[in-house]
Amino acid sequence: MSKDVMNFKAFNETTQNYQAGTNVQVQRHCFGYSVTNIGTAIIEVNGKRLFPSAVPATIAGDSLSVSAPAGQLYKGVLQIKFIAPLGAAPNCEVTQLYYLDPKDNIL
């Protein structure tokens, strides 16, 4: 096996939808995440506001992506709050990227 291949780390992703405020369970070895507003309510992610699309059924609203520098992990909290006007349908999609355990790091 070449040296270049040995420097890579295997990773995976997980995607979940949330319709209520929560503290999202951060995956072990998480190095990045994205949150997309796919509902009709304003969302706060760790205090940052994501606005819904003007055409929710057609186009996704605002999104936020965070990625750790190479070789580092995200150890923060991922807190989601919905600021829902009456009749709004809150919904967001959270995707997390995480490294696999070294024993599973087969390329």
C-alpha atoms as a PDB file:
ATOM      1  CA  MET A   1       0.000   0.000   0.000  1.00  0.00           C
ATOM      2  CA  SER A   2       1.391   3.432  -0.898  1.00  0.00           C
ATOM      3  CA  LYS A   3       2.125   6.089   1.717  1.00  0.00           C
ATOM      4  CA  ASP A   4      -0.508   8.418   0.194  1.00  0.00           C
ATOM      5  CA  VAL A   5      -3.343   5.934   0.714  1.00  0.00           C
ATOM      6  CA  MET A   6      -2.304   5.299   4.319  1.00  0.00           C
ATOM      7  CA  ASN A   7      -2.783   9.013   5.174  1.00  0.00           C
ATOM      8  CA  PHE A   8      -6.472   8.994   4.280  1.00  0.00           C
ATOM      9  CA  LYS A   9      -9.175   8.422   6.880  1.00  0.00           C
ATOM     10  CA  ALA A  10     -12.440   6.699   6.055  1.00  0.00           C
ATOM     11  CA  PHE A  11     -15.578   8.671   6.891  1.00  0.00           C
ATOM     12  CA  ASN A  12     -19.327   8.373   6.706  1.00  0.00           C
ATOM     13  CA  GLU A  13     -22.325  10.652   7.005  1.00  0.00           C
ATOM     14  CA  THR A  14     -25.693  10.635   8.690  1.00  0.00           C
ATOM     15  CA  THR A  15     -28.735  12.797   7.935  1.00  0.00           C
ATOM     16  CA  GLN A  16     -31.696  13.422  10.227  1.00  0.00           C
ATOM     17  CA  ASN A  17     -34.724  15.706  10.042  1.00  0.00           C
ATOM     18  CA  TYR A  18     -36.022  17.618  13.071  1.00  0.00           C
ATOM     19  CA  GLN A  19     -39.397  19.323  13.522  1.00  0.00           C
ATOM     20  CA  ALA A  20     -38.902  20.434  17.136  1.00  0.00           C
ATOM     21  CA  GLY A  21     -36.129  22.197  19.002  1.00  0.00           C
ATOM     22  CA  THR A  22     -33.467  19.901  20.410  1.00  0.00           C
ATOM     23  CA  ASN A  23     -29.808  19.395  21.230  1.00  0.00           C
ATOM     24  CA  VAL A  24     -28.676  17.107  18.424  1.00  0.00           C
ATOM     25  CA  GLN A  25     -26.592  14.083  19.401  1.00  0.00           C
ATOM     26  CA  VAL A  26     -23.199  14.826  17.810  1.00  0.00           C
ATOM     27  CA  GLN A  27     -21.696  11.714  16.215  1.00  0.00           C
ATOM     28  CA  ARG A  28     -18.501  10.270  17.670  1.00  0.00           C
ATOM     29  CA  HIS A  29     -15.518  11.517  15.621  1.00  0.00           C
ATOM     30  CA  CYS A  30     -17.668  14.243  13.980  1.00  0.00           C
ATOM     31  CA  PHE A  31     -15.604  16.683  11.907  1.00  0.00           C
ATOM     32  CA  GLY A  32     -18.344  18.626  10.168  1.00  0.00           C
ATOM     33  CA  TYR A  33     -22.046  19.273   9.896  1.00  0.00           C
ATOM     34  CA  SER A  34     -24.587  21.182   7.842  1.00  0.00           C
ATOM     35  CA  VAL A  35     -28.088  22.333   8.721  1.00  0.00           C
ATOM     36  CA  THR A  36     -30.633  23.293   6.046  1.00  0.00           C
ATOM     37  CA  ASN A  37     -33.963  24.972   6.726  1.00  0.00           C
ATOM     38  CA  ILE A  38     -36.519  22.992   4.701  1.00  0.00           C
ATOM     39  CA  GLY A  39     -39.576  24.193   6.611  1.00  0.00           C
ATOM     40  CA  THR A  40     -41.513  27.445   6.912  1.00  0.00           C
ATOM     41  CA  ALA A  41     -40.209  28.640  10.301  1.00  0.00           C
ATOM     42  CA  ILE A  42     -37.074  30.551  11.238  1.00  0.00           C
ATOM     43  CA  ILE A  43     -34.431  28.302  12.840  1.00  0.00           C
ATOM     44  CA  GLU A  44     -31.652  29.146  15.255  1.00  0.00           C
ATOM     45  CA  VAL A  45     -28.604  26.863  15.196  1.00  0.00           C
ATOM     46  CA  ASN A  46     -26.217  27.664  18.038  1.00  0.00           C
ATOM     47  CA  GLY A  47     -27.621  31.201  17.970  1.00  0.00           C
ATOM     48  CA  LYS A  48     -27.304  31.716  14.191  1.00  0.00           C
ATOM     49  CA  ARG A  49     -30.594  32.337  12.352  1.00  0.00           C
ATOM     50  CA  LEU A  50     -31.539  30.407   9.222  1.00  0.00           C
ATOM     51  CA  PHE A  51     -34.513  31.772   7.331  1.00  0.00           C
ATOM     52  CA  PRO A  52     -36.998  29.648   5.393  1.00  0.00           C
ATOM     53  CA  SER A  53     -37.276  29.747   1.630  1.00  0.00           C
ATOM     54  CA  ALA A  54     -39.725  32.151   0.035  1.00  0.00           C
ATOM     55  CA  VAL A  55     -41.018  29.064  -1.845  1.00  0.00           C
ATOM     56  CA  PRO A  56     -40.637  26.260   0.763  1.00  0.00           C
ATOM     57  CA  ALA A  57     -42.060  23.356  -1.257  1.00  0.00           C
ATOM     58  CA  THR A  58     -39.696  24.110  -4.140  1.00  0.00           C
ATOM     59  CA  ILE A  59     -36.433  25.589  -2.857  1.00  0.00           C
ATOM     60  CA  ALA A  60     -34.566  24.975   0.419  1.00  0.00           C
ATOM     61  CA  GLY A  61     -34.056  27.893   2.774  1.00  0.00           C
ATOM     62  CA  ASP A  62     -30.841  29.098   4.362  1.00  0.00           C
ATOM     63  CA  SER A  63     -28.168  26.617   5.379  1.00  0.00           C
ATOM     64  CA  LEU A  64     -25.125  26.568   7.624  1.00  0.00           C
ATOM     65  CA  SER A  65     -22.025  24.377   7.303  1.00  0.00           C
ATOM     66  CA  VAL A  66     -19.220  23.909   9.814  1.00  0.00           C
ATOM     67  CA  SER A  67     -16.083  21.871   9.196  1.00  0.00           C
ATOM     68  CA  ALA A  68     -13.134  21.301  11.519  1.00  0.00           C
ATOM     69  CA  PRO A  69      -9.572  21.740  10.232  1.00  0.00           C
ATOM     70  CA  ALA A  70      -7.941  18.551   8.919  1.00  0.00           C
ATOM     71  CA  GLY A  71      -7.416  15.952  11.626  1.00  0.00           C
ATOM     72  CA  GLN A  72      -9.540  17.767  14.221  1.00  0.00           C
ATOM     73  CA  LEU A  73     -12.976  16.894  15.607  1.00  0.00           C
ATOM     74  CA  TYR A  74     -16.080  18.936  16.407  1.00  0.00           C
ATOM     75  CA  LYS A  75     -16.796  18.685  20.142  1.00  0.00           C
ATOM     76  CA  GLY A  76     -19.352  21.473  20.486  1.00  0.00           C
ATOM     77  CA  VAL A  77     -23.091  21.438  21.009  1.00  0.00           C
ATOM     78  CA  LEU A  78     -25.511  21.437  18.090  1.00  0.00           C
ATOM     79  CA  GLN A  79     -28.547  23.244  19.482  1.00  0.00           C
ATOM     80  CA  ILE A  80     -31.597  23.767  17.279  1.00  0.00           C
ATOM     81  CA  LYS A  81     -34.450  26.148  18.153  1.00  0.00           C
ATOM     82  CA  PHE A  82     -37.454  26.986  16.008  1.00  0.00           C
ATOM     83  CA  ILE A  83     -38.926  30.471  16.003  1.00  0.00           C
ATOM     84  CA  ALA A  84     -42.269  29.517  14.518  1.00  0.00           C
ATOM     85  CA  PRO A  85     -44.933  32.024  13.556  1.00  0.00           C
ATOM     86  CA  LEU A  86     -48.502  30.767  13.914  1.00  0.00           C
ATOM     87  CA  GLY A  87     -49.232  28.075  11.324  1.00  0.00           C
ATOM     88  CA  ALA A  88     -45.584  27.528  10.408  1.00  0.00           C
ATOM     89  CA  ALA A  89     -44.258  24.040   9.661  1.00  0.00           C
ATOM     90  CA  PRO A  90     -40.800  23.795  11.255  1.00  0.00           C
ATOM     91  CA  ASN A  91     -38.400  21.353   9.611  1.00  0.00           C
ATOM     92  CA  CYS A  92     -34.634  21.195   9.228  1.00  0.00           C
ATOM     93  CA  GLU A  93     -32.181  18.665   7.859  1.00  0.00           C
ATOM     94  CA  VAL A  94     -28.957  18.004   9.760  1.00  0.00           C
ATOM     95  CA  THR A  95     -26.093  16.137   8.065  1.00  0.00           C
ATOM     96  CA  GLN A  96     -23.026  15.144  10.065  1.00  0.00           C
ATOM     97  CA  LEU A  97     -19.704  13.903   8.703  1.00  0.00           C
ATOM     98  CA  TYR A  98     -17.673  11.650  10.966  1.00  0.00           C
ATOM     99  CA  TYR A  99     -14.513   9.564  10.812  1.00  0.00           C
ATOM    100  CA  LEU A 100     -14.846   5.811  11.186  1.00  0.00           C
ATOM    101  CA  ASP A 101     -12.957   4.055  13.966  1.00  0.00           C
ATOM    102  CA  PRO A 102      -9.399   3.189  12.862  1.00  0.00           C
ATOM    103  CA  LYS A 103     -10.209  -0.547  13.030  1.00  0.00           C
ATOM    104  CA  ASP A 104     -12.939   0.093  10.410  1.00  0.00           C
ATOM    105  CA  ASN A 105     -10.660   2.326   8.320  1.00  0.00           C
ATOM    106  CA  ILE A 106     -10.360  -0.064   5.383  1.00  0.00           C
ATOM    107  CA  LEU A 107      -9.802   1.563   2.003  1.00  0.00           C
END
